[in-house]
Amino acid sequence: MGQQPTDCQPLPASALNFLVPVVAPASAQTLARLHVRSFVMTAEPKTLNVGDTLRLRIVTRVDENVGQLDNVTLPDLAGFDSLGDERVCASSGHGTECTEVLALSPTEAGDRTIAPTTLDAIDARSGKPSHFATNPVTIHVIAAGPQPSGVTRTLVEDLLRPIAILVLVGAAAYALLWGFGRRPRPKAQPPIPVSQPIAPPAPVDPLPQLIAALAAERTRPRVLAVRDEIRRRIGAREDETLGDLLRRGAAGSDRALVDVLRAVERASFIDDDQLPGAIDEALAALSNWKRA
């Protein structure tokens, strides 16, 4: 399995409220010792038809350099056909990011909730065997419409064909009669002036509002909202880390934007006790970027 470089930013323990530790001493000797920073599952697309392809992505970030993750248990995928499974672990000086992508095809219609994926490991913070879990995901599957049988299709075609011929003959006869009996055209009337359409209002830039909300309420969700909007502006993909963005030059030559990306990323994932200072640095970088 090939490895690609990535940057794994640590998350505070309070932000990982979906990682629920459960002591399991009987299996402790077979578990890896890990600092689990994030463990997330996403599904794309969220709405699809029966028979379409769903991509279920599971991303795990740990502080250690590992070649693969063991003791990962996938959820029950009853109601889906498996089309393939791809696993990649990319290590760097900051840890490892492991991504598993399952290609699935739903076989039943309705709203389907896929239960969390779980990981068993020794929690390096406490030294205890722990049971980590991702978030669940919900998708909407649309039933495929019934297809007519061959006999039904033939009967419909046999009924519609003579009707279509009659319609065409009638239209041709009407056109012929209209051509012979039409009257002289009335004098052309001046065109009625058409009012100019009202231009739609200019779109509102959400970033200043998000920055103002962060300045008023200095919390991690406000920082993450600013981070998501800036990443959207520079075309960041969901799986790209800050290091990936800087390596491909997503910020261009805008050094102030690079400072903003670094400061906002740090404030998004720093420990709770250092969060206020990190938010101050992020707001300062944002202010310098706006003035530039």
C-alpha atoms as a PDB file:
ATOM      1  CA  MET A   1       0.000   0.000   0.000  1.00  0.00           C
ATOM      2  CA  GLY A   2       1.564   3.304  -1.091  1.00  0.00           C
ATOM      3  CA  GLN A   3       2.117   6.108   1.393  1.00  0.00           C
ATOM      4  CA  GLN A   4       1.766   9.830   0.822  1.00  0.00           C
ATOM      5  CA  PRO A   5       2.919  12.644   3.125  1.00  0.00           C
ATOM      6  CA  THR A   6       0.315  14.370   5.247  1.00  0.00           C
ATOM      7  CA  ASP A   7       0.052  16.672   8.268  1.00  0.00           C
ATOM      8  CA  CYS A   8      -2.040  15.452  11.214  1.00  0.00           C
ATOM      9  CA  GLN A   9      -3.083  18.261  13.559  1.00  0.00           C
ATOM     10  CA  PRO A  10      -3.817  17.092  17.166  1.00  0.00           C
ATOM     11  CA  LEU A  11      -7.334  17.529  18.536  1.00  0.00           C
ATOM     12  CA  PRO A  12      -7.967  18.197  22.255  1.00  0.00           C
ATOM     13  CA  ALA A  13      -9.535  15.425  24.245  1.00  0.00           C
ATOM     14  CA  SER A  14     -12.683  17.524  24.776  1.00  0.00           C
ATOM     15  CA  ALA A  15     -13.224  17.760  21.021  1.00  0.00           C
ATOM     16  CA  LEU A  16     -13.229  13.962  20.640  1.00  0.00           C
ATOM     17  CA  ASN A  17     -16.501  13.381  22.454  1.00  0.00           C
ATOM     18  CA  PHE A  18     -17.326  10.598  19.988  1.00  0.00           C
ATOM     19  CA  LEU A  19     -14.283   8.585  21.140  1.00  0.00           C
ATOM     20  CA  VAL A  20     -15.789   6.670  24.032  1.00  0.00           C
ATOM     21  CA  PRO A  21     -13.221   4.650  26.058  1.00  0.00           C
ATOM     22  CA  VAL A  22     -14.338   1.283  27.339  1.00  0.00           C
ATOM     23  CA  VAL A  23     -11.888  -0.758  29.415  1.00  0.00           C
ATOM     24  CA  ALA A  24     -11.227  -4.215  27.949  1.00  0.00           C
ATOM     25  CA  PRO A  25      -8.296  -5.787  29.863  1.00  0.00           C
ATOM     26  CA  ALA A  26      -8.716  -9.252  28.327  1.00  0.00           C
ATOM     27  CA  SER A  27      -7.521  -8.083  24.895  1.00  0.00           C
ATOM     28  CA  ALA A  28      -5.050  -5.415  26.030  1.00  0.00           C
ATOM     29  CA  GLN A  29      -1.966  -7.418  25.049  1.00  0.00           C
ATOM     30  CA  THR A  30      -2.989  -7.482  21.367  1.00  0.00           C
ATOM     31  CA  LEU A  31      -3.843  -3.763  21.046  1.00  0.00           C
ATOM     32  CA  ALA A  32      -1.641  -0.997  19.669  1.00  0.00           C
ATOM     33  CA  ARG A  33      -0.816   1.991  21.887  1.00  0.00           C
ATOM     34  CA  LEU A  34      -2.144   5.091  20.072  1.00  0.00           C
ATOM     35  CA  HIS A  35      -2.873   8.791  20.522  1.00  0.00           C
ATOM     36  CA  VAL A  36      -6.125   8.920  18.508  1.00  0.00           C
ATOM     37  CA  ARG A  37      -6.662  12.549  17.412  1.00  0.00           C
ATOM     38  CA  SER A  38      -9.685  12.087  15.142  1.00  0.00           C
ATOM     39  CA  PHE A  39     -11.844   9.210  13.910  1.00  0.00           C
ATOM     40  CA  VAL A  40     -14.492  10.319  11.394  1.00  0.00           C
ATOM     41  CA  MET A  41     -16.815   8.604   8.879  1.00  0.00           C
ATOM     42  CA  THR A  42     -18.492  10.338   5.907  1.00  0.00           C
ATOM     43  CA  ALA A  43     -20.721   9.154   3.052  1.00  0.00           C
ATOM     44  CA  GLU A  44     -20.961  10.598  -0.455  1.00  0.00           C
ATOM     45  CA  PRO A  45     -23.472  11.165  -1.953  1.00  0.00           C
ATOM     46  CA  LYS A  46     -26.063  11.548   0.801  1.00  0.00           C
ATOM     47  CA  THR A  47     -28.956  10.914  -1.647  1.00  0.00           C
ATOM     48  CA  LEU A  48     -28.802   8.215  -4.348  1.00  0.00           C
ATOM     49  CA  ASN A  49     -30.854   5.621  -6.194  1.00  0.00           C
ATOM     50  CA  VAL A  50     -30.963   1.879  -5.574  1.00  0.00           C
ATOM     51  CA  GLY A  51     -28.054   0.419  -7.561  1.00  0.00           C
ATOM     52  CA  ASP A  52     -25.950   3.623  -7.520  1.00  0.00           C
ATOM     53  CA  THR A  53     -22.483   3.729  -5.935  1.00  0.00           C
ATOM     54  CA  LEU A  54     -21.993   5.078  -2.393  1.00  0.00           C
ATOM     55  CA  ARG A  55     -18.484   5.891  -1.105  1.00  0.00           C
ATOM     56  CA  LEU A  56     -18.126   5.389   2.658  1.00  0.00           C
ATOM     57  CA  ARG A  57     -14.900   7.099   3.848  1.00  0.00           C
ATOM     58  CA  ILE A  58     -13.328   6.406   7.274  1.00  0.00           C
ATOM     59  CA  VAL A  59     -10.405   8.702   8.241  1.00  0.00           C
ATOM     60  CA  THR A  60      -8.274   8.085  11.346  1.00  0.00           C
ATOM     61  CA  ARG A  61      -5.487  10.418  12.559  1.00  0.00           C
ATOM     62  CA  VAL A  62      -2.994   9.252  15.188  1.00  0.00           C
ATOM     63  CA  ASP A  63       0.236  10.769  16.556  1.00  0.00           C
ATOM     64  CA  GLU A  64       2.236   7.589  15.955  1.00  0.00           C
ATOM     65  CA  ASN A  65       3.820   6.436  12.661  1.00  0.00           C
ATOM     66  CA  VAL A  66       2.081   3.168  11.774  1.00  0.00           C
ATOM     67  CA  GLY A  67       1.893   1.146   8.579  1.00  0.00           C
ATOM     68  CA  GLN A  68      -1.716   0.051   9.132  1.00  0.00           C
ATOM     69  CA  LEU A  69      -4.473   0.106  11.727  1.00  0.00           C
ATOM     70  CA  ASP A  70      -5.535  -3.197  13.246  1.00  0.00           C
ATOM     71  CA  ASN A  71      -8.638  -3.983  15.317  1.00  0.00           C
ATOM     72  CA  VAL A  72     -10.911  -1.753  13.185  1.00  0.00           C
ATOM     73  CA  THR A  73     -14.494  -3.110  13.017  1.00  0.00           C
ATOM     74  CA  LEU A  74     -16.764  -1.940  10.202  1.00  0.00           C
ATOM     75  CA  PRO A  75     -20.496  -1.438  10.844  1.00  0.00           C
ATOM     76  CA  ASP A  76     -23.211  -3.827   9.690  1.00  0.00           C
ATOM     77  CA  LEU A  77     -23.687  -3.132   5.973  1.00  0.00           C
ATOM     78  CA  ALA A  78     -26.790  -5.247   5.411  1.00  0.00           C
ATOM     79  CA  GLY A  79     -28.783  -3.788   2.530  1.00  0.00           C
ATOM     80  CA  PHE A  80     -25.626  -2.896   0.556  1.00  0.00           C
ATOM     81  CA  ASP A  81     -23.602  -4.773  -2.043  1.00  0.00           C
ATOM     82  CA  SER A  82     -19.836  -4.342  -1.617  1.00  0.00           C
ATOM     83  CA  LEU A  83     -18.070  -3.091  -4.770  1.00  0.00           C
ATOM     84  CA  GLY A  84     -14.550  -2.716  -3.326  1.00  0.00           C
ATOM     85  CA  ASP A  85     -12.446  -1.567  -0.363  1.00  0.00           C
ATOM     86  CA  GLU A  86      -9.332   0.654  -0.522  1.00  0.00           C
ATOM     87  CA  ARG A  87      -7.040   1.336   2.466  1.00  0.00           C
ATOM     88  CA  VAL A  88      -4.149   3.825   2.611  1.00  0.00           C
ATOM     89  CA  CYS A  89      -1.974   4.945   5.549  1.00  0.00           C
ATOM     90  CA  ALA A  90       0.256   7.994   4.992  1.00  0.00           C
ATOM     91  CA  SER A  91       2.893   8.815   7.629  1.00  0.00           C
ATOM     92  CA  SER A  92       4.879  11.992   8.268  1.00  0.00           C
ATOM     93  CA  GLY A  93       6.804  13.585  11.115  1.00  0.00           C
ATOM     94  CA  HIS A  94       3.497  14.511  12.743  1.00  0.00           C
ATOM     95  CA  GLY A  95       1.920  11.042  12.835  1.00  0.00           C
ATOM     96  CA  THR A  96      -0.223   8.982  10.469  1.00  0.00           C
ATOM     97  CA  GLU A  97      -3.486   9.493   8.587  1.00  0.00           C
ATOM     98  CA  CYS A  98      -5.235   6.260   7.592  1.00  0.00           C
ATOM     99  CA  THR A  99      -8.099   6.367   5.101  1.00  0.00           C
ATOM    100  CA  GLU A 100     -10.388   3.493   4.168  1.00  0.00           C
ATOM    101  CA  VAL A 101     -12.901   3.954   1.322  1.00  0.00           C
ATOM    102  CA  LEU A 102     -15.644   1.368   0.783  1.00  0.00           C
ATOM    103  CA  ALA A 103     -17.597   1.372  -2.486  1.00  0.00           C
ATOM    104  CA  LEU A 104     -21.146   0.204  -1.744  1.00  0.00           C
ATOM    105  CA  SER A 105     -24.340  -0.175  -3.761  1.00  0.00           C
ATOM    106  CA  PRO A 106     -27.658   0.088  -1.857  1.00  0.00           C
ATOM    107  CA  THR A 107     -30.200  -2.645  -2.575  1.00  0.00           C
ATOM    108  CA  GLU A 108     -33.148  -1.247  -0.571  1.00  0.00           C
ATOM    109  CA  ALA A 109     -34.895   2.137  -0.660  1.00  0.00           C
ATOM    110  CA  GLY A 110     -35.470   4.399   2.352  1.00  0.00           C
ATOM    111  CA  ASP A 111     -33.498   6.387   4.920  1.00  0.00           C
ATOM    112  CA  ARG A 112     -30.543   4.232   5.983  1.00  0.00           C
ATOM    113  CA  THR A 113     -28.395   5.003   9.043  1.00  0.00           C
ATOM    114  CA  ILE A 114     -24.963   3.357   8.990  1.00  0.00           C
ATOM    115  CA  ALA A 115     -23.723   2.666  12.540  1.00  0.00           C
ATOM    116  CA  PRO A 116     -20.281   3.906  13.703  1.00  0.00           C
ATOM    117  CA  THR A 117     -17.037   2.157  12.781  1.00  0.00           C
ATOM    118  CA  THR A 118     -15.047   1.158  15.899  1.00  0.00           C
ATOM    119  CA  LEU A 119     -11.340   0.938  16.766  1.00  0.00           C
ATOM    120  CA  ASP A 120      -9.861  -0.969  19.721  1.00  0.00           C
ATOM    121  CA  ALA A 121      -6.521   0.356  20.999  1.00  0.00           C
ATOM    122  CA  ILE A 122      -4.584   1.285  24.116  1.00  0.00           C
ATOM    123  CA  ASP A 123      -5.363   4.954  24.766  1.00  0.00           C
ATOM    124  CA  ALA A 124      -1.878   6.485  25.111  1.00  0.00           C
ATOM    125  CA  ARG A 125      -3.280   9.252  27.322  1.00  0.00           C
ATOM    126  CA  SER A 126      -4.582   6.919  30.024  1.00  0.00           C
ATOM    127  CA  GLY A 127      -2.701   3.708  29.231  1.00  0.00           C
ATOM    128  CA  LYS A 128      -5.990   1.763  29.279  1.00  0.00           C
ATOM    129  CA  PRO A 129      -7.557  -0.446  26.589  1.00  0.00           C
ATOM    130  CA  SER A 130     -10.229   1.693  24.940  1.00  0.00           C
ATOM    131  CA  HIS A 131     -13.011   1.428  22.400  1.00  0.00           C
ATOM    132  CA  PHE A 132     -13.153   4.366  19.943  1.00  0.00           C
ATOM    133  CA  ALA A 133     -16.122   5.014  17.617  1.00  0.00           C
ATOM    134  CA  THR A 134     -16.801   7.303  14.656  1.00  0.00           C
ATOM    135  CA  ASN A 135     -20.001   9.205  14.079  1.00  0.00           C
ATOM    136  CA  PRO A 136     -22.923   7.411  12.333  1.00  0.00           C
ATOM    137  CA  VAL A 137     -24.014   8.608   8.867  1.00  0.00           C
ATOM    138  CA  THR A 138     -27.494   8.696   7.329  1.00  0.00           C
ATOM    139  CA  ILE A 139     -28.286   8.473   3.606  1.00  0.00           C
ATOM    140  CA  HIS A 140     -31.512   8.573   1.596  1.00  0.00           C
ATOM    141  CA  VAL A 141     -31.969   5.823  -1.004  1.00  0.00           C
ATOM    142  CA  ILE A 142     -34.563   6.344  -3.751  1.00  0.00           C
ATOM    143  CA  ALA A 143     -36.359   3.330  -5.205  1.00  0.00           C
ATOM    144  CA  ALA A 144     -35.810   2.688  -8.904  1.00  0.00           C
ATOM    145  CA  GLY A 145     -38.985   3.036 -10.992  1.00  0.00           C
ATOM    146  CA  PRO A 146     -40.546  -0.194 -12.365  1.00  0.00           C
ATOM    147  CA  GLN A 147     -39.542  -1.033 -15.925  1.00  0.00           C
ATOM    148  CA  PRO A 148     -42.266  -2.222 -18.332  1.00  0.00           C
ATOM    149  CA  SER A 149     -42.026  -5.817 -19.472  1.00  0.00           C
ATOM    150  CA  GLY A 150     -41.412  -6.676 -23.116  1.00  0.00           C
ATOM    151  CA  VAL A 151     -45.056  -7.648 -23.709  1.00  0.00           C
ATOM    152  CA  THR A 152     -46.373  -4.461 -22.083  1.00  0.00           C
ATOM    153  CA  ARG A 153     -43.952  -2.312 -24.058  1.00  0.00           C
ATOM    154  CA  THR A 154     -45.042  -3.949 -27.330  1.00  0.00           C
ATOM    155  CA  LEU A 155     -48.725  -3.396 -26.572  1.00  0.00           C
ATOM    156  CA  VAL A 156     -48.135   0.272 -25.734  1.00  0.00           C
ATOM    157  CA  GLU A 157     -46.152   0.806 -28.930  1.00  0.00           C
ATOM    158  CA  ASP A 158     -48.893  -0.881 -31.012  1.00  0.00           C
ATOM    159  CA  LEU A 159     -51.523   1.422 -29.476  1.00  0.00           C
ATOM    160  CA  LEU A 160     -49.529   4.640 -29.768  1.00  0.00           C
ATOM    161  CA  ARG A 161     -48.281   4.143 -33.332  1.00  0.00           C
ATOM    162  CA  PRO A 162     -51.691   4.615 -35.111  1.00  0.00           C
ATOM    163  CA  ILE A 163     -52.547   7.531 -32.819  1.00  0.00           C
ATOM    164  CA  ALA A 164     -49.301   9.250 -33.734  1.00  0.00           C
ATOM    165  CA  ILE A 165     -50.005   8.704 -37.450  1.00  0.00           C
ATOM    166  CA  LEU A 166     -53.495  10.229 -37.099  1.00  0.00           C
ATOM    167  CA  VAL A 167     -52.085  13.248 -35.269  1.00  0.00           C
ATOM    168  CA  LEU A 168     -49.489  13.840 -38.002  1.00  0.00           C
ATOM    169  CA  VAL A 169     -52.086  13.504 -40.808  1.00  0.00           C
ATOM    170  CA  GLY A 170     -54.467  15.872 -39.029  1.00  0.00           C
ATOM    171  CA  ALA A 171     -51.711  18.451 -38.493  1.00  0.00           C
ATOM    172  CA  ALA A 172     -50.714  18.290 -42.161  1.00  0.00           C
ATOM    173  CA  ALA A 173     -54.332  18.739 -43.315  1.00  0.00           C
ATOM    174  CA  TYR A 174     -54.845  21.709 -41.001  1.00  0.00           C
ATOM    175  CA  ALA A 175     -51.658  23.342 -42.243  1.00  0.00           C
ATOM    176  CA  LEU A 176     -52.777  22.872 -45.865  1.00  0.00           C
ATOM    177  CA  LEU A 177     -56.241  24.391 -45.234  1.00  0.00           C
ATOM    178  CA  TRP A 178     -54.749  27.254 -43.271  1.00  0.00           C
ATOM    179  CA  GLY A 179     -52.340  28.025 -46.113  1.00  0.00           C
ATOM    180  CA  PHE A 180     -55.147  28.312 -48.697  1.00  0.00           C
ATOM    181  CA  GLY A 181     -57.639  30.209 -46.574  1.00  0.00           C
ATOM    182  CA  ARG A 182     -55.487  32.587 -44.569  1.00  0.00           C
ATOM    183  CA  ARG A 183     -56.314  36.269 -44.673  1.00  0.00           C
ATOM    184  CA  PRO A 184     -53.883  39.148 -45.322  1.00  0.00           C
ATOM    185  CA  ARG A 185     -51.761  39.885 -42.346  1.00  0.00           C
ATOM    186  CA  PRO A 186     -52.852  42.863 -40.258  1.00  0.00           C
ATOM    187  CA  LYS A 187     -50.605  45.869 -40.071  1.00  0.00           C
ATOM    188  CA  ALA A 188     -47.754  45.248 -37.724  1.00  0.00           C
ATOM    189  CA  GLN A 189     -48.161  46.883 -34.343  1.00  0.00           C
ATOM    190  CA  PRO A 190     -45.230  48.587 -32.700  1.00  0.00           C
ATOM    191  CA  PRO A 191     -43.547  46.325 -30.184  1.00  0.00           C
ATOM    192  CA  ILE A 192     -44.613  46.683 -26.597  1.00  0.00           C
ATOM    193  CA  PRO A 193     -41.717  47.965 -24.541  1.00  0.00           C
ATOM    194  CA  VAL A 194     -40.408  45.368 -22.130  1.00  0.00           C
ATOM    195  CA  SER A 195     -39.336  46.494 -18.717  1.00  0.00           C
ATOM    196  CA  GLN A 196     -35.772  45.705 -17.797  1.00  0.00           C
ATOM    197  CA  PRO A 197     -35.429  42.823 -15.360  1.00  0.00           C
ATOM    198  CA  ILE A 198     -34.419  43.763 -11.876  1.00  0.00           C
ATOM    199  CA  ALA A 199     -30.879  42.635 -11.180  1.00  0.00           C
ATOM    200  CA  PRO A 200     -30.642  40.139  -8.323  1.00  0.00           C
ATOM    201  CA  PRO A 201     -28.938  41.432  -5.185  1.00  0.00           C
ATOM    202  CA  ALA A 202     -25.223  40.891  -4.972  1.00  0.00           C
ATOM    203  CA  PRO A 203     -24.301  37.782  -2.975  1.00  0.00           C
ATOM    204  CA  VAL A 204     -23.359  38.425   0.648  1.00  0.00           C
ATOM    205  CA  ASP A 205     -19.833  37.444   1.657  1.00  0.00           C
ATOM    206  CA  PRO A 206     -20.230  35.214   4.744  1.00  0.00           C
ATOM    207  CA  LEU A 207     -16.604  35.522   5.921  1.00  0.00           C
ATOM    208  CA  PRO A 208     -16.847  38.985   7.602  1.00  0.00           C
ATOM    209  CA  GLN A 209     -19.909  37.802   9.530  1.00  0.00           C
ATOM    210  CA  LEU A 210     -18.104  34.628  10.623  1.00  0.00           C
ATOM    211  CA  ILE A 211     -15.051  36.650  11.765  1.00  0.00           C
ATOM    212  CA  ALA A 212     -17.296  39.080  13.688  1.00  0.00           C
ATOM    213  CA  ALA A 213     -19.070  36.142  15.350  1.00  0.00           C
ATOM    214  CA  LEU A 214     -15.684  34.661  16.353  1.00  0.00           C
ATOM    215  CA  ALA A 215     -14.584  37.990  17.851  1.00  0.00           C
ATOM    216  CA  ALA A 216     -17.830  38.179  19.848  1.00  0.00           C
ATOM    217  CA  GLU A 217     -17.885  34.513  20.932  1.00  0.00           C
ATOM    218  CA  ARG A 218     -14.400  33.012  21.057  1.00  0.00           C
ATOM    219  CA  THR A 219     -15.228  29.313  20.904  1.00  0.00           C
ATOM    220  CA  ARG A 220     -13.917  26.350  18.925  1.00  0.00           C
ATOM    221  CA  PRO A 221     -17.097  26.000  16.773  1.00  0.00           C
ATOM    222  CA  ARG A 222     -16.706  29.647  15.689  1.00  0.00           C
ATOM    223  CA  VAL A 223     -13.064  29.010  14.720  1.00  0.00           C
ATOM    224  CA  LEU A 224     -14.033  25.879  12.764  1.00  0.00           C
ATOM    225  CA  ALA A 225     -16.708  27.861  10.883  1.00  0.00           C
ATOM    226  CA  VAL A 226     -14.080  30.434   9.806  1.00  0.00           C
ATOM    227  CA  ARG A 227     -11.684  27.608   8.846  1.00  0.00           C
ATOM    228  CA  ASP A 228     -14.323  25.877   6.687  1.00  0.00           C
ATOM    229  CA  GLU A 229     -15.171  29.105   4.810  1.00  0.00           C
ATOM    230  CA  ILE A 230     -11.503  29.951   4.089  1.00  0.00           C
ATOM    231  CA  ARG A 231     -10.818  26.377   2.895  1.00  0.00           C
ATOM    232  CA  ARG A 232     -13.885  26.594   0.644  1.00  0.00           C
ATOM    233  CA  ARG A 233     -12.577  29.818  -0.899  1.00  0.00           C
ATOM    234  CA  ILE A 234      -9.227  28.313  -1.843  1.00  0.00           C
ATOM    235  CA  GLY A 235     -10.775  25.095  -3.195  1.00  0.00           C
ATOM    236  CA  ALA A 236      -9.555  22.725  -0.471  1.00  0.00           C
ATOM    237  CA  ARG A 237     -10.770  19.148  -0.685  1.00  0.00           C
ATOM    238  CA  GLU A 238     -12.147  17.429   2.421  1.00  0.00           C
ATOM    239  CA  ASP A 239      -9.147  15.107   2.687  1.00  0.00           C
ATOM    240  CA  GLU A 240      -6.468  17.830   2.240  1.00  0.00           C
ATOM    241  CA  THR A 241      -4.478  18.864   5.300  1.00  0.00           C
ATOM    242  CA  LEU A 242      -2.835  22.246   5.833  1.00  0.00           C
ATOM    243  CA  GLY A 243       0.461  20.793   4.640  1.00  0.00           C
ATOM    244  CA  ASP A 244      -1.189  19.548   1.441  1.00  0.00           C
ATOM    245  CA  LEU A 245      -2.631  23.021   0.741  1.00  0.00           C
ATOM    246  CA  LEU A 246       0.687  24.794   1.302  1.00  0.00           C
ATOM    247  CA  ARG A 247       2.598  22.288  -0.839  1.00  0.00           C
ATOM    248  CA  ARG A 248       0.308  22.762  -3.833  1.00  0.00           C
ATOM    249  CA  GLY A 249       0.298  26.551  -3.420  1.00  0.00           C
ATOM    250  CA  ALA A 250      -3.414  26.940  -2.740  1.00  0.00           C
ATOM    251  CA  ALA A 251      -2.776  30.372  -1.172  1.00  0.00           C
ATOM    252  CA  GLY A 252      -0.693  31.541  -4.134  1.00  0.00           C
ATOM    253  CA  SER A 253       1.731  34.356  -3.285  1.00  0.00           C
ATOM    254  CA  ASP A 254      -0.514  35.812  -0.563  1.00  0.00           C
ATOM    255  CA  ARG A 255       1.713  35.553   2.521  1.00  0.00           C
ATOM    256  CA  ALA A 256      -0.991  37.092   4.717  1.00  0.00           C
ATOM    257  CA  LEU A 257      -3.367  34.301   3.661  1.00  0.00           C
ATOM    258  CA  VAL A 258      -0.712  31.690   4.524  1.00  0.00           C
ATOM    259  CA  ASP A 259      -0.431  33.234   8.009  1.00  0.00           C
ATOM    260  CA  VAL A 260      -4.239  33.103   8.327  1.00  0.00           C
ATOM    261  CA  LEU A 261      -4.321  29.423   7.308  1.00  0.00           C
ATOM    262  CA  ARG A 262      -1.660  28.525   9.889  1.00  0.00           C
ATOM    263  CA  ALA A 263      -3.228  30.562  12.713  1.00  0.00           C
ATOM    264  CA  VAL A 264      -6.801  29.370  12.105  1.00  0.00           C
ATOM    265  CA  GLU A 265      -5.646  25.725  11.770  1.00  0.00           C
ATOM    266  CA  ARG A 266      -3.771  25.985  15.085  1.00  0.00           C
ATOM    267  CA  ALA A 267      -6.760  27.545  16.855  1.00  0.00           C
ATOM    268  CA  SER A 268      -9.073  24.856  15.451  1.00  0.00           C
ATOM    269  CA  PHE A 269      -7.167  21.921  16.940  1.00  0.00           C
ATOM    270  CA  ILE A 270      -5.176  23.253  19.914  1.00  0.00           C
ATOM    271  CA  ASP A 271      -5.829  22.092  23.491  1.00  0.00           C
ATOM    272  CA  ASP A 272      -8.603  23.870  25.397  1.00  0.00           C
ATOM    273  CA  ASP A 273      -6.277  25.623  27.850  1.00  0.00           C
ATOM    274  CA  GLN A 274      -4.404  27.303  24.964  1.00  0.00           C
ATOM    275  CA  LEU A 275      -7.508  28.078  22.885  1.00  0.00           C
ATOM    276  CA  PRO A 276      -8.032  31.775  23.933  1.00  0.00           C
ATOM    277  CA  GLY A 277      -4.516  32.791  22.967  1.00  0.00           C
ATOM    278  CA  ALA A 278      -4.694  30.884  19.688  1.00  0.00           C
ATOM    279  CA  ILE A 279      -7.975  32.642  18.811  1.00  0.00           C
ATOM    280  CA  ASP A 280      -6.342  36.037  19.522  1.00  0.00           C
ATOM    281  CA  GLU A 281      -3.537  35.144  17.080  1.00  0.00           C
ATOM    282  CA  ALA A 282      -6.053  33.974  14.469  1.00  0.00           C
ATOM    283  CA  LEU A 283      -8.069  37.208  14.739  1.00  0.00           C
ATOM    284  CA  ALA A 284      -4.888  39.264  14.409  1.00  0.00           C
ATOM    285  CA  ALA A 285      -3.863  37.337  11.286  1.00  0.00           C
ATOM    286  CA  LEU A 286      -7.363  37.761   9.822  1.00  0.00           C
ATOM    287  CA  SER A 287      -7.237  41.521  10.502  1.00  0.00           C
ATOM    288  CA  ASN A 288      -3.835  41.847   8.764  1.00  0.00           C
ATOM    289  CA  TRP A 289      -5.113  39.819   5.795  1.00  0.00           C
ATOM    290  CA  LYS A 290      -8.206  42.038   5.373  1.00  0.00           C
ATOM    291  CA  ARG A 291      -6.086  45.218   5.470  1.00  0.00           C
ATOM    292  CA  ALA A 292      -3.737  43.761   2.838  1.00  0.00           C
END
